[in-house]
Amino acid sequence: MRIFCIGDVVSAAGRDMLFKHIEDLKYKKNIDLCIANGENASHGHGMARASYLEMCRAGVDGFTMGNHTWNTKEIIPILENEENVIRPINFHPSCPGSGAMILTSKSGARIGVINTAGRVFMDQCHVSPFEITAEKAAELKKKTDAVIVDFHAEATSEKQAMGYFLDGLAGAVFGTHTHVQTADERILPKGTGYITDLGMTGPAESVLGMNYEVIVNRFVTGMPQKFEIAAGTAQLNGCIFELDDKTGLCTGIERVFIRNDR
């Protein structure tokens, strides 16, 4: 089975790239299931219902979130009522929604998906992401064909540690949050497919999806300035994990980087 995991979708530019490329990639790459991080899908902050429905129409089967989960109030009924959207599992138990879900691929395979968040340079987590994620992965592995994990975290060291911590338990562990795709995709010693960060699906000539002139000016002058979504060229970042039908572990991994000017 082949699972396509898409990096943080940012604004209309990112959503447009989904419409332009997902169905074609599903056909050409024989994709069984498509997952995207949607926490920046609406104007770069949060995921409103209109954006959620739009991305579903584009071909995304399931969504993970992150530290911007609560940026729009519309996410609360989505998390409470939709079975294909999850938020980090290590948020406080009182938070709406769930940190894990089971999706069915086009071939009928049951895929467990876990969303978890890092603690290094981030402060929304109620507990460590490590034990709670491993416990849920072990639970899901008993009733699914494979388990994949979106680790929404800032520090590369924390992400790499999570990869090795879950090696042999999860079929794939992929990082999100930084909006910068890494080139370290590989299969770990016990069979888990890993990449430190999937990257970003959104404005390419930007700083993390924002107008780079605004960001540069903030760094140079130290003065506050309102963020603006960048215009122009867009990109789609992600990774395709090929998982064994019997073991659920990774047998192949392919990084995806598409720009609409190429």
C-alpha atoms as a PDB file:
ATOM      1  CA  MET A   1       0.000   0.000   0.000  1.00  0.00           C
ATOM      2  CA  ARG A   2       1.181   3.496  -0.835  1.00  0.00           C
ATOM      3  CA  ILE A   3       0.407   6.397   1.496  1.00  0.00           C
ATOM      4  CA  PHE A   4       0.902   9.985   0.303  1.00  0.00           C
ATOM      5  CA  CYS A   5       1.559  12.387   3.191  1.00  0.00           C
ATOM      6  CA  ILE A   6       1.421  16.110   2.368  1.00  0.00           C
ATOM      7  CA  GLY A   7       3.258  18.869   4.236  1.00  0.00           C
ATOM      8  CA  ASP A   8       1.483  21.808   5.908  1.00  0.00           C
ATOM      9  CA  VAL A   9      -1.075  23.270   3.492  1.00  0.00           C
ATOM     10  CA  VAL A  10      -0.884  27.076   3.574  1.00  0.00           C
ATOM     11  CA  SER A  11      -3.672  29.332   2.252  1.00  0.00           C
ATOM     12  CA  ALA A  12      -5.525  29.236  -1.063  1.00  0.00           C
ATOM     13  CA  ALA A  13      -2.228  28.738  -2.901  1.00  0.00           C
ATOM     14  CA  GLY A  14      -1.706  25.442  -1.106  1.00  0.00           C
ATOM     15  CA  ARG A  15      -5.298  24.329  -1.584  1.00  0.00           C
ATOM     16  CA  ASP A  16      -5.062  25.104  -5.309  1.00  0.00           C
ATOM     17  CA  MET A  17      -1.973  22.905  -5.586  1.00  0.00           C
ATOM     18  CA  LEU A  18      -3.975  20.033  -4.118  1.00  0.00           C
ATOM     19  CA  PHE A  19      -6.603  20.403  -6.840  1.00  0.00           C
ATOM     20  CA  LYS A  20      -3.950  20.617  -9.543  1.00  0.00           C
ATOM     21  CA  HIS A  21      -1.904  17.601  -8.527  1.00  0.00           C
ATOM     22  CA  ILE A  22      -3.477  15.120  -6.081  1.00  0.00           C
ATOM     23  CA  GLU A  23      -5.661  13.161  -8.488  1.00  0.00           C
ATOM     24  CA  ASP A  24      -2.856  12.989 -11.051  1.00  0.00           C
ATOM     25  CA  LEU A  25      -0.396  11.784  -8.411  1.00  0.00           C
ATOM     26  CA  LYS A  26      -2.899   9.245  -7.090  1.00  0.00           C
ATOM     27  CA  TYR A  27      -3.166   7.794 -10.595  1.00  0.00           C
ATOM     28  CA  LYS A  28       0.505   7.934 -11.632  1.00  0.00           C
ATOM     29  CA  LYS A  29       1.922   6.810  -8.270  1.00  0.00           C
ATOM     30  CA  ASN A  30      -0.845   4.322  -7.441  1.00  0.00           C
ATOM     31  CA  ILE A  31      -1.651   6.065  -4.151  1.00  0.00           C
ATOM     32  CA  ASP A  32      -3.971   4.200  -1.766  1.00  0.00           C
ATOM     33  CA  LEU A  33      -4.478   6.958   0.816  1.00  0.00           C
ATOM     34  CA  CYS A  34      -3.715  10.679   1.042  1.00  0.00           C
ATOM     35  CA  ILE A  35      -3.084  12.540   4.324  1.00  0.00           C
ATOM     36  CA  ALA A  36      -2.413  16.286   4.721  1.00  0.00           C
ATOM     37  CA  ASN A  37      -1.559  18.591   7.600  1.00  0.00           C
ATOM     38  CA  GLY A  38      -4.299  21.230   7.489  1.00  0.00           C
ATOM     39  CA  GLU A  39      -3.513  23.554  10.389  1.00  0.00           C
ATOM     40  CA  ASN A  40      -2.541  26.489   8.117  1.00  0.00           C
ATOM     41  CA  ALA A  41      -5.021  25.876   5.312  1.00  0.00           C
ATOM     42  CA  SER A  42      -7.225  28.934   5.940  1.00  0.00           C
ATOM     43  CA  HIS A  43      -5.296  32.159   5.264  1.00  0.00           C
ATOM     44  CA  GLY A  44      -2.237  30.594   6.884  1.00  0.00           C
ATOM     45  CA  HIS A  45      -3.868  30.157  10.305  1.00  0.00           C
ATOM     46  CA  GLY A  46      -6.156  27.279  11.240  1.00  0.00           C
ATOM     47  CA  MET A  47      -8.574  25.197   9.172  1.00  0.00           C
ATOM     48  CA  ALA A  48     -12.064  26.603   8.604  1.00  0.00           C
ATOM     49  CA  ARG A  49     -14.879  24.367   7.400  1.00  0.00           C
ATOM     50  CA  ALA A  50     -14.866  25.758   3.854  1.00  0.00           C
ATOM     51  CA  SER A  51     -11.161  24.955   3.508  1.00  0.00           C
ATOM     52  CA  TYR A  52     -11.684  21.493   4.979  1.00  0.00           C
ATOM     53  CA  LEU A  53     -14.449  20.675   2.502  1.00  0.00           C
ATOM     54  CA  GLU A  54     -12.425  22.095  -0.380  1.00  0.00           C
ATOM     55  CA  MET A  55      -9.437  19.881   0.426  1.00  0.00           C
ATOM     56  CA  CYS A  56     -11.699  16.838   0.748  1.00  0.00           C
ATOM     57  CA  ARG A  57     -12.986  17.552  -2.761  1.00  0.00           C
ATOM     58  CA  ALA A  58      -9.387  17.848  -3.961  1.00  0.00           C
ATOM     59  CA  GLY A  59      -8.753  14.269  -2.870  1.00  0.00           C
ATOM     60  CA  VAL A  60      -7.347  14.435   0.665  1.00  0.00           C
ATOM     61  CA  ASP A  61      -8.630  11.499   2.722  1.00  0.00           C
ATOM     62  CA  GLY A  62      -7.546  12.585   6.202  1.00  0.00           C
ATOM     63  CA  PHE A  63      -6.143  15.572   8.072  1.00  0.00           C
ATOM     64  CA  THR A  64      -3.742  16.157  10.930  1.00  0.00           C
ATOM     65  CA  MET A  65      -3.253  19.430  12.788  1.00  0.00           C
ATOM     66  CA  GLY A  66      -0.712  21.077  15.137  1.00  0.00           C
ATOM     67  CA  ASN A  67      -0.023  24.129  17.274  1.00  0.00           C
ATOM     68  CA  HIS A  68      -2.383  26.285  15.167  1.00  0.00           C
ATOM     69  CA  THR A  69      -5.303  23.901  15.684  1.00  0.00           C
ATOM     70  CA  TRP A  70      -7.368  26.428  17.649  1.00  0.00           C
ATOM     71  CA  ASN A  71      -6.750  29.467  15.409  1.00  0.00           C
ATOM     72  CA  THR A  72     -10.291  29.229  14.093  1.00  0.00           C
ATOM     73  CA  LYS A  73     -13.346  28.304  16.168  1.00  0.00           C
ATOM     74  CA  GLU A  74     -14.737  26.330  13.241  1.00  0.00           C
ATOM     75  CA  ILE A  75     -12.272  23.540  13.969  1.00  0.00           C
ATOM     76  CA  ILE A  76     -14.133  22.539  17.135  1.00  0.00           C
ATOM     77  CA  PRO A  77     -17.269  21.127  15.428  1.00  0.00           C
ATOM     78  CA  ILE A  78     -15.043  19.620  12.733  1.00  0.00           C
ATOM     79  CA  LEU A  79     -13.026  17.719  15.336  1.00  0.00           C
ATOM     80  CA  GLU A  80     -16.189  16.699  17.168  1.00  0.00           C
ATOM     81  CA  ASN A  81     -18.131  15.504  14.122  1.00  0.00           C
ATOM     82  CA  GLU A  82     -15.762  14.506  11.318  1.00  0.00           C
ATOM     83  CA  GLU A  83     -13.989  11.166  11.527  1.00  0.00           C
ATOM     84  CA  ASN A  84     -11.088  12.093   9.228  1.00  0.00           C
ATOM     85  CA  VAL A  85      -9.612  15.021  11.210  1.00  0.00           C
ATOM     86  CA  ILE A  86      -7.416  14.713  14.304  1.00  0.00           C
ATOM     87  CA  ARG A  87      -5.365  17.031  16.532  1.00  0.00           C
ATOM     88  CA  PRO A  88      -2.218  16.213  18.553  1.00  0.00           C
ATOM     89  CA  ILE A  89      -2.821  13.313  20.914  1.00  0.00           C
ATOM     90  CA  ASN A  90      -0.794  14.925  23.713  1.00  0.00           C
ATOM     91  CA  PHE A  91      -2.982  18.029  23.992  1.00  0.00           C
ATOM     92  CA  HIS A  92      -4.964  18.194  27.238  1.00  0.00           C
ATOM     93  CA  PRO A  93      -7.625  15.431  27.452  1.00  0.00           C
ATOM     94  CA  SER A  94     -10.347  18.079  27.796  1.00  0.00           C
ATOM     95  CA  CYS A  95      -9.609  19.423  24.296  1.00  0.00           C
ATOM     96  CA  PRO A  96     -12.175  18.639  21.591  1.00  0.00           C
ATOM     97  CA  GLY A  97     -11.437  15.847  19.167  1.00  0.00           C
ATOM     98  CA  SER A  98      -9.100  12.891  19.106  1.00  0.00           C
ATOM     99  CA  GLY A  99      -5.401  12.348  18.495  1.00  0.00           C
ATOM    100  CA  ALA A 100      -5.801   9.215  16.397  1.00  0.00           C
ATOM    101  CA  MET A 101      -8.065   7.799  13.694  1.00  0.00           C
ATOM    102  CA  ILE A 102      -8.455   4.775  11.455  1.00  0.00           C
ATOM    103  CA  LEU A 103      -8.922   5.367   7.736  1.00  0.00           C
ATOM    104  CA  THR A 104      -9.688   2.854   5.003  1.00  0.00           C
ATOM    105  CA  SER A 105      -7.545   2.975   1.865  1.00  0.00           C
ATOM    106  CA  LYS A 106      -8.868   2.453  -1.657  1.00  0.00           C
ATOM    107  CA  SER A 107      -7.611  -1.146  -1.494  1.00  0.00           C
ATOM    108  CA  GLY A 108      -9.517  -1.756   1.746  1.00  0.00           C
ATOM    109  CA  ALA A 109      -6.538  -1.610   4.109  1.00  0.00           C
ATOM    110  CA  ARG A 110      -7.117  -0.095   7.535  1.00  0.00           C
ATOM    111  CA  ILE A 111      -4.550   2.593   8.329  1.00  0.00           C
ATOM    112  CA  GLY A 112      -4.105   3.975  11.832  1.00  0.00           C
ATOM    113  CA  VAL A 113      -3.061   7.631  11.876  1.00  0.00           C
ATOM    114  CA  ILE A 114      -1.663   9.381  14.956  1.00  0.00           C
ATOM    115  CA  ASN A 115      -1.027  13.119  15.323  1.00  0.00           C
ATOM    116  CA  THR A 116       1.362  14.190  18.078  1.00  0.00           C
ATOM    117  CA  ALA A 117       3.208  17.418  18.925  1.00  0.00           C
ATOM    118  CA  GLY A 118       6.700  18.188  20.160  1.00  0.00           C
ATOM    119  CA  ARG A 119       7.666  20.005  23.353  1.00  0.00           C
ATOM    120  CA  VAL A 120      11.011  21.568  22.378  1.00  0.00           C
ATOM    121  CA  PHE A 121      10.358  25.283  21.624  1.00  0.00           C
ATOM    122  CA  MET A 122       6.595  24.558  21.806  1.00  0.00           C
ATOM    123  CA  ASP A 123       4.296  24.904  24.805  1.00  0.00           C
ATOM    124  CA  GLN A 124       0.843  23.489  24.044  1.00  0.00           C
ATOM    125  CA  CYS A 125       1.516  19.867  24.978  1.00  0.00           C
ATOM    126  CA  HIS A 126      -0.036  18.448  28.125  1.00  0.00           C
ATOM    127  CA  VAL A 127       2.322  15.459  28.289  1.00  0.00           C
ATOM    128  CA  SER A 128       5.420  14.134  26.543  1.00  0.00           C
ATOM    129  CA  PRO A 129       4.688  12.961  22.998  1.00  0.00           C
ATOM    130  CA  PHE A 130       6.768   9.802  23.331  1.00  0.00           C
ATOM    131  CA  GLU A 131       4.976   7.363  25.633  1.00  0.00           C
ATOM    132  CA  ILE A 132       1.440   8.372  24.691  1.00  0.00           C
ATOM    133  CA  THR A 133       2.212   8.011  20.981  1.00  0.00           C
ATOM    134  CA  ALA A 134       3.881   4.620  21.385  1.00  0.00           C
ATOM    135  CA  GLU A 135       0.983   3.326  23.489  1.00  0.00           C
ATOM    136  CA  LYS A 136      -1.565   4.415  20.896  1.00  0.00           C
ATOM    137  CA  ALA A 137       0.540   2.998  18.044  1.00  0.00           C
ATOM    138  CA  ALA A 138       0.728  -0.382  19.793  1.00  0.00           C
ATOM    139  CA  GLU A 139      -3.037  -0.309  20.350  1.00  0.00           C
ATOM    140  CA  LEU A 140      -3.796   0.608  16.727  1.00  0.00           C
ATOM    141  CA  LYS A 141      -1.372  -1.949  15.328  1.00  0.00           C
ATOM    142  CA  LYS A 142      -3.537  -4.733  16.776  1.00  0.00           C
ATOM    143  CA  LYS A 143      -6.565  -3.664  14.718  1.00  0.00           C
ATOM    144  CA  THR A 144      -5.103  -2.072  11.574  1.00  0.00           C
ATOM    145  CA  ASP A 145      -2.846  -3.038   8.689  1.00  0.00           C
ATOM    146  CA  ALA A 146      -0.374  -0.212   9.356  1.00  0.00           C
ATOM    147  CA  VAL A 147       0.181   2.818  11.583  1.00  0.00           C
ATOM    148  CA  ILE A 148       1.611   6.192  10.531  1.00  0.00           C
ATOM    149  CA  VAL A 149       2.537   9.164  12.724  1.00  0.00           C
ATOM    150  CA  ASP A 150       2.592  12.917  12.018  1.00  0.00           C
ATOM    151  CA  PHE A 151       5.003  14.439  14.546  1.00  0.00           C
ATOM    152  CA  HIS A 152       4.313  18.176  14.514  1.00  0.00           C
ATOM    153  CA  ALA A 153       7.479  19.564  16.066  1.00  0.00           C
ATOM    154  CA  GLU A 154      10.098  22.296  15.810  1.00  0.00           C
ATOM    155  CA  ALA A 155      13.361  20.590  16.792  1.00  0.00           C
ATOM    156  CA  THR A 156      15.015  18.206  14.351  1.00  0.00           C
ATOM    157  CA  SER A 157      16.590  16.329  17.261  1.00  0.00           C
ATOM    158  CA  GLU A 158      13.206  15.653  18.849  1.00  0.00           C
ATOM    159  CA  LYS A 159      11.836  14.452  15.514  1.00  0.00           C
ATOM    160  CA  GLN A 160      14.750  12.107  14.902  1.00  0.00           C
ATOM    161  CA  ALA A 161      14.431  10.744  18.430  1.00  0.00           C
ATOM    162  CA  MET A 162      10.746  10.018  17.819  1.00  0.00           C
ATOM    163  CA  GLY A 163      11.595   8.187  14.613  1.00  0.00           C
ATOM    164  CA  TYR A 164      13.964   5.831  16.398  1.00  0.00           C
ATOM    165  CA  PHE A 165      11.610   5.521  19.390  1.00  0.00           C
ATOM    166  CA  LEU A 166       8.837   4.232  17.114  1.00  0.00           C
ATOM    167  CA  ASP A 167      11.106   2.256  14.769  1.00  0.00           C
ATOM    168  CA  GLY A 168       9.525  -1.108  14.059  1.00  0.00           C
ATOM    169  CA  LEU A 169       6.202  -0.062  15.600  1.00  0.00           C
ATOM    170  CA  ALA A 170       4.984   2.535  13.084  1.00  0.00           C
ATOM    171  CA  GLY A 171       5.132   2.078   9.334  1.00  0.00           C
ATOM    172  CA  ALA A 172       6.008   5.737   8.867  1.00  0.00           C
ATOM    173  CA  VAL A 173       6.983   8.686  11.049  1.00  0.00           C
ATOM    174  CA  PHE A 174       7.048  12.067   9.335  1.00  0.00           C
ATOM    175  CA  GLY A 175       7.613  15.540  10.698  1.00  0.00           C
ATOM    176  CA  THR A 176       5.563  18.643  10.007  1.00  0.00           C
ATOM    177  CA  HIS A 177       5.504  22.247  11.294  1.00  0.00           C
ATOM    178  CA  THR A 178       8.712  23.898   9.995  1.00  0.00           C
ATOM    179  CA  HIS A 179       7.395  24.317   6.414  1.00  0.00           C
ATOM    180  CA  VAL A 180      10.884  23.419   5.114  1.00  0.00           C
ATOM    181  CA  GLN A 181      11.251  20.028   3.446  1.00  0.00           C
ATOM    182  CA  THR A 182      14.235  17.960   4.552  1.00  0.00           C
ATOM    183  CA  ALA A 183      16.209  15.588   2.319  1.00  0.00           C
ATOM    184  CA  ASP A 184      16.760  12.820   4.869  1.00  0.00           C
ATOM    185  CA  GLU A 185      14.012  10.397   3.878  1.00  0.00           C
ATOM    186  CA  ARG A 186      15.058   6.844   4.723  1.00  0.00           C
ATOM    187  CA  ILE A 187      13.993   3.530   6.201  1.00  0.00           C
ATOM    188  CA  LEU A 188      15.179   3.101   9.791  1.00  0.00           C
ATOM    189  CA  PRO A 189      16.867  -0.142  10.979  1.00  0.00           C
ATOM    190  CA  LYS A 190      13.666  -1.852  12.172  1.00  0.00           C
ATOM    191  CA  GLY A 191      11.569  -0.893   9.146  1.00  0.00           C
ATOM    192  CA  THR A 192       9.968   2.488   9.853  1.00  0.00           C
ATOM    193  CA  GLY A 193       9.940   5.007   7.004  1.00  0.00           C
ATOM    194  CA  TYR A 194      11.134   8.403   8.214  1.00  0.00           C
ATOM    195  CA  ILE A 195      11.566  12.024   7.113  1.00  0.00           C
ATOM    196  CA  THR A 196      12.275  14.927   9.474  1.00  0.00           C
ATOM    197  CA  ASP A 197       9.879  17.311   7.722  1.00  0.00           C
ATOM    198  CA  LEU A 198       7.506  16.921   4.790  1.00  0.00           C
ATOM    199  CA  GLY A 199       7.752  20.626   3.977  1.00  0.00           C
ATOM    200  CA  MET A 200       5.008  23.019   2.915  1.00  0.00           C
ATOM    201  CA  THR A 201       2.286  23.100   0.298  1.00  0.00           C
ATOM    202  CA  GLY A 202       1.698  26.773  -0.463  1.00  0.00           C
ATOM    203  CA  PRO A 203       3.488  29.915  -1.706  1.00  0.00           C
ATOM    204  CA  ALA A 204       7.000  28.992  -2.868  1.00  0.00           C
ATOM    205  CA  GLU A 205       8.691  32.401  -3.010  1.00  0.00           C
ATOM    206  CA  SER A 206       8.050  33.108   0.637  1.00  0.00           C
ATOM    207  CA  VAL A 207       9.245  32.650   4.189  1.00  0.00           C
ATOM    208  CA  LEU A 208       7.120  29.761   5.465  1.00  0.00           C
ATOM    209  CA  GLY A 209       4.285  30.897   3.193  1.00  0.00           C
ATOM    210  CA  MET A 210       4.408  34.551   4.213  1.00  0.00           C
ATOM    211  CA  ASN A 211       5.486  37.578   2.133  1.00  0.00           C
ATOM    212  CA  TYR A 212       9.269  37.479   2.401  1.00  0.00           C
ATOM    213  CA  GLU A 213       9.664  41.277   2.276  1.00  0.00           C
ATOM    214  CA  VAL A 214       7.550  41.620   5.425  1.00  0.00           C
ATOM    215  CA  ILE A 215       9.521  38.909   7.225  1.00  0.00           C
ATOM    216  CA  VAL A 216      12.901  40.307   6.166  1.00  0.00           C
ATOM    217  CA  ASN A 217      11.870  43.758   7.364  1.00  0.00           C
ATOM    218  CA  ARG A 218      10.836  42.356  10.760  1.00  0.00           C
ATOM    219  CA  PHE A 219      14.227  40.702  11.169  1.00  0.00           C
ATOM    220  CA  VAL A 220      16.209  43.728   9.988  1.00  0.00           C
ATOM    221  CA  THR A 221      14.355  46.441  11.917  1.00  0.00           C
ATOM    222  CA  GLY A 222      13.001  44.496  14.875  1.00  0.00           C
ATOM    223  CA  MET A 223       9.695  46.292  14.359  1.00  0.00           C
ATOM    224  CA  PRO A 224       6.350  44.479  14.345  1.00  0.00           C
ATOM    225  CA  GLN A 225       4.566  44.175  11.029  1.00  0.00           C
ATOM    226  CA  LYS A 226       1.462  42.246  10.067  1.00  0.00           C
ATOM    227  CA  PHE A 227       2.095  38.948   8.305  1.00  0.00           C
ATOM    228  CA  GLU A 228       0.860  38.694   4.714  1.00  0.00           C
ATOM    229  CA  ILE A 229       0.347  35.561   2.652  1.00  0.00           C
ATOM    230  CA  ALA A 230       2.808  35.517  -0.241  1.00  0.00           C
ATOM    231  CA  ALA A 231       1.615  35.573  -3.844  1.00  0.00           C
ATOM    232  CA  GLY A 232       3.007  34.016  -7.008  1.00  0.00           C
ATOM    233  CA  THR A 233       4.589  30.609  -7.543  1.00  0.00           C
ATOM    234  CA  ALA A 234       3.274  27.750  -5.415  1.00  0.00           C
ATOM    235  CA  GLN A 235       4.646  24.361  -4.408  1.00  0.00           C
ATOM    236  CA  LEU A 236       3.462  20.981  -3.166  1.00  0.00           C
ATOM    237  CA  ASN A 237       5.670  19.072  -0.706  1.00  0.00           C
ATOM    238  CA  GLY A 238       5.202  15.617   0.722  1.00  0.00           C
ATOM    239  CA  CYS A 239       6.383  12.032   0.826  1.00  0.00           C
ATOM    240  CA  ILE A 240       5.062   8.709  -0.442  1.00  0.00           C
ATOM    241  CA  PHE A 241       5.548   5.752   1.882  1.00  0.00           C
ATOM    242  CA  GLU A 242       5.193   2.238   0.501  1.00  0.00           C
ATOM    243  CA  LEU A 243       4.138  -0.104   3.304  1.00  0.00           C
ATOM    244  CA  ASP A 244       4.181  -3.893   3.300  1.00  0.00           C
ATOM    245  CA  ASP A 245       0.678  -5.380   3.230  1.00  0.00           C
ATOM    246  CA  LYS A 246       1.570  -8.018   5.831  1.00  0.00           C
ATOM    247  CA  THR A 247       3.905  -6.258   8.278  1.00  0.00           C
ATOM    248  CA  GLY A 248       2.795  -2.641   7.821  1.00  0.00           C
ATOM    249  CA  LEU A 249       6.449  -1.593   7.737  1.00  0.00           C
ATOM    250  CA  CYS A 250       8.092   0.557   5.088  1.00  0.00           C
ATOM    251  CA  THR A 251       9.583  -0.952   1.935  1.00  0.00           C
ATOM    252  CA  GLY A 252      10.001   2.237  -0.082  1.00  0.00           C
ATOM    253  CA  ILE A 253       9.972   6.002   0.331  1.00  0.00           C
ATOM    254  CA  GLU A 254       9.795   8.817  -2.219  1.00  0.00           C
ATOM    255  CA  ARG A 255       9.996  12.529  -1.483  1.00  0.00           C
ATOM    256  CA  VAL A 256       7.678  14.787  -3.518  1.00  0.00           C
ATOM    257  CA  PHE A 257       8.492  18.405  -4.438  1.00  0.00           C
ATOM    258  CA  ILE A 258       6.421  20.074  -7.156  1.00  0.00           C
ATOM    259  CA  ARG A 259       6.449  23.752  -8.171  1.00  0.00           C
ATOM    260  CA  ASN A 260       3.858  25.165 -10.539  1.00  0.00           C
ATOM    261  CA  ASP A 261       6.521  26.975 -12.592  1.00  0.00           C
ATOM    262  CA  ARG A 262       8.337  23.754 -13.514  1.00  0.00           C
END
